[in-house]
Amino acid sequence: MKEAFFYFMKILLILFKNNKEFYLKYLERLFFSLLFLKSKLNFEMFLNDSVHR
């Protein structure tokens, strides 16, 4: 999993050198989707916790 992540980051760095504006927009979108995913996961874990109690 970590190797894939580093490979992905390498590709993003190459893209960054070619097109900074696109990269920044993409990174921003990625960041927010990750935040959303994390909060969604936390919420689901919270729901599971309250159901199992």
C-alpha atoms as a PDB file:
ATOM      1  CA  MET A   1       0.000   0.000   0.000  1.00  0.00           C
ATOM      2  CA  LYS A   2       2.777   2.450   0.945  1.00  0.00           C
ATOM      3  CA  GLU A   3       4.690   1.727  -2.286  1.00  0.00           C
ATOM      4  CA  ALA A   4       1.605   2.546  -4.351  1.00  0.00           C
ATOM      5  CA  PHE A   5       1.160   5.786  -2.429  1.00  0.00           C
ATOM      6  CA  PHE A   6       4.765   6.864  -3.032  1.00  0.00           C
ATOM      7  CA  TYR A   7       4.458   5.960  -6.716  1.00  0.00           C
ATOM      8  CA  PHE A   8       1.279   8.031  -6.894  1.00  0.00           C
ATOM      9  CA  MET A   9       3.036  10.973  -5.214  1.00  0.00           C
ATOM     10  CA  LYS A  10       5.910  10.708  -7.724  1.00  0.00           C
ATOM     11  CA  ILE A  11       3.466  10.959 -10.632  1.00  0.00           C
ATOM     12  CA  LEU A  12       1.791  13.952  -8.976  1.00  0.00           C
ATOM     13  CA  LEU A  13       5.170  15.661  -8.561  1.00  0.00           C
ATOM     14  CA  ILE A  14       5.910  15.208 -12.262  1.00  0.00           C
ATOM     15  CA  LEU A  15       2.483  16.668 -13.086  1.00  0.00           C
ATOM     16  CA  PHE A  16       3.161  19.516 -10.678  1.00  0.00           C
ATOM     17  CA  LYS A  17       6.272  20.537 -12.613  1.00  0.00           C
ATOM     18  CA  ASN A  18       4.267  20.573 -15.848  1.00  0.00           C
ATOM     19  CA  ASN A  19       1.077  22.243 -14.717  1.00  0.00           C
ATOM     20  CA  LYS A  20       1.020  23.939 -11.317  1.00  0.00           C
ATOM     21  CA  GLU A  21      -2.491  25.399 -11.449  1.00  0.00           C
ATOM     22  CA  PHE A  22      -4.128  22.120 -12.401  1.00  0.00           C
ATOM     23  CA  TYR A  23      -2.139  20.310  -9.731  1.00  0.00           C
ATOM     24  CA  LEU A  24      -3.161  22.718  -6.981  1.00  0.00           C
ATOM     25  CA  LYS A  25      -6.836  22.455  -7.901  1.00  0.00           C
ATOM     26  CA  TYR A  26      -6.569  18.673  -8.017  1.00  0.00           C
ATOM     27  CA  LEU A  27      -4.735  18.511  -4.698  1.00  0.00           C
ATOM     28  CA  GLU A  28      -7.339  20.712  -3.069  1.00  0.00           C
ATOM     29  CA  ARG A  29     -10.140  18.475  -4.324  1.00  0.00           C
ATOM     30  CA  LEU A  30      -8.256  15.370  -3.203  1.00  0.00           C
ATOM     31  CA  PHE A  31      -7.653  16.861   0.232  1.00  0.00           C
ATOM     32  CA  PHE A  32     -11.319  17.726   0.745  1.00  0.00           C
ATOM     33  CA  SER A  33     -12.499  14.342  -0.489  1.00  0.00           C
ATOM     34  CA  LEU A  34     -10.081  12.667   1.926  1.00  0.00           C
ATOM     35  CA  LEU A  35     -11.372  14.815   4.779  1.00  0.00           C
ATOM     36  CA  PHE A  36     -14.928  13.956   3.791  1.00  0.00           C
ATOM     37  CA  LEU A  37     -14.099  10.245   3.600  1.00  0.00           C
ATOM     38  CA  LYS A  38     -12.415  10.347   7.010  1.00  0.00           C
ATOM     39  CA  SER A  39     -15.352  12.082   8.678  1.00  0.00           C
ATOM     40  CA  LYS A  40     -17.752   9.678   6.954  1.00  0.00           C
ATOM     41  CA  LEU A  41     -15.759   6.696   8.224  1.00  0.00           C
ATOM     42  CA  ASN A  42     -15.627   8.137  11.741  1.00  0.00           C
ATOM     43  CA  PHE A  43     -19.364   8.712  11.617  1.00  0.00           C
ATOM     44  CA  GLU A  44     -20.006   5.133  10.487  1.00  0.00           C
ATOM     45  CA  MET A  45     -17.778   3.786  13.249  1.00  0.00           C
ATOM     46  CA  PHE A  46     -19.666   5.964  15.716  1.00  0.00           C
ATOM     47  CA  LEU A  47     -22.979   4.579  14.434  1.00  0.00           C
ATOM     48  CA  ASN A  48     -21.724   1.007  14.676  1.00  0.00           C
ATOM     49  CA  ASP A  49     -20.568   1.657  18.223  1.00  0.00           C
ATOM     50  CA  SER A  50     -23.925   2.998  19.316  1.00  0.00           C
ATOM     51  CA  VAL A  51     -25.787   0.139  17.609  1.00  0.00           C
ATOM     52  CA  HIS A  52     -23.656  -2.543  19.271  1.00  0.00           C
ATOM     53  CA  ARG A  53     -24.026  -1.084  22.759  1.00  0.00           C
END
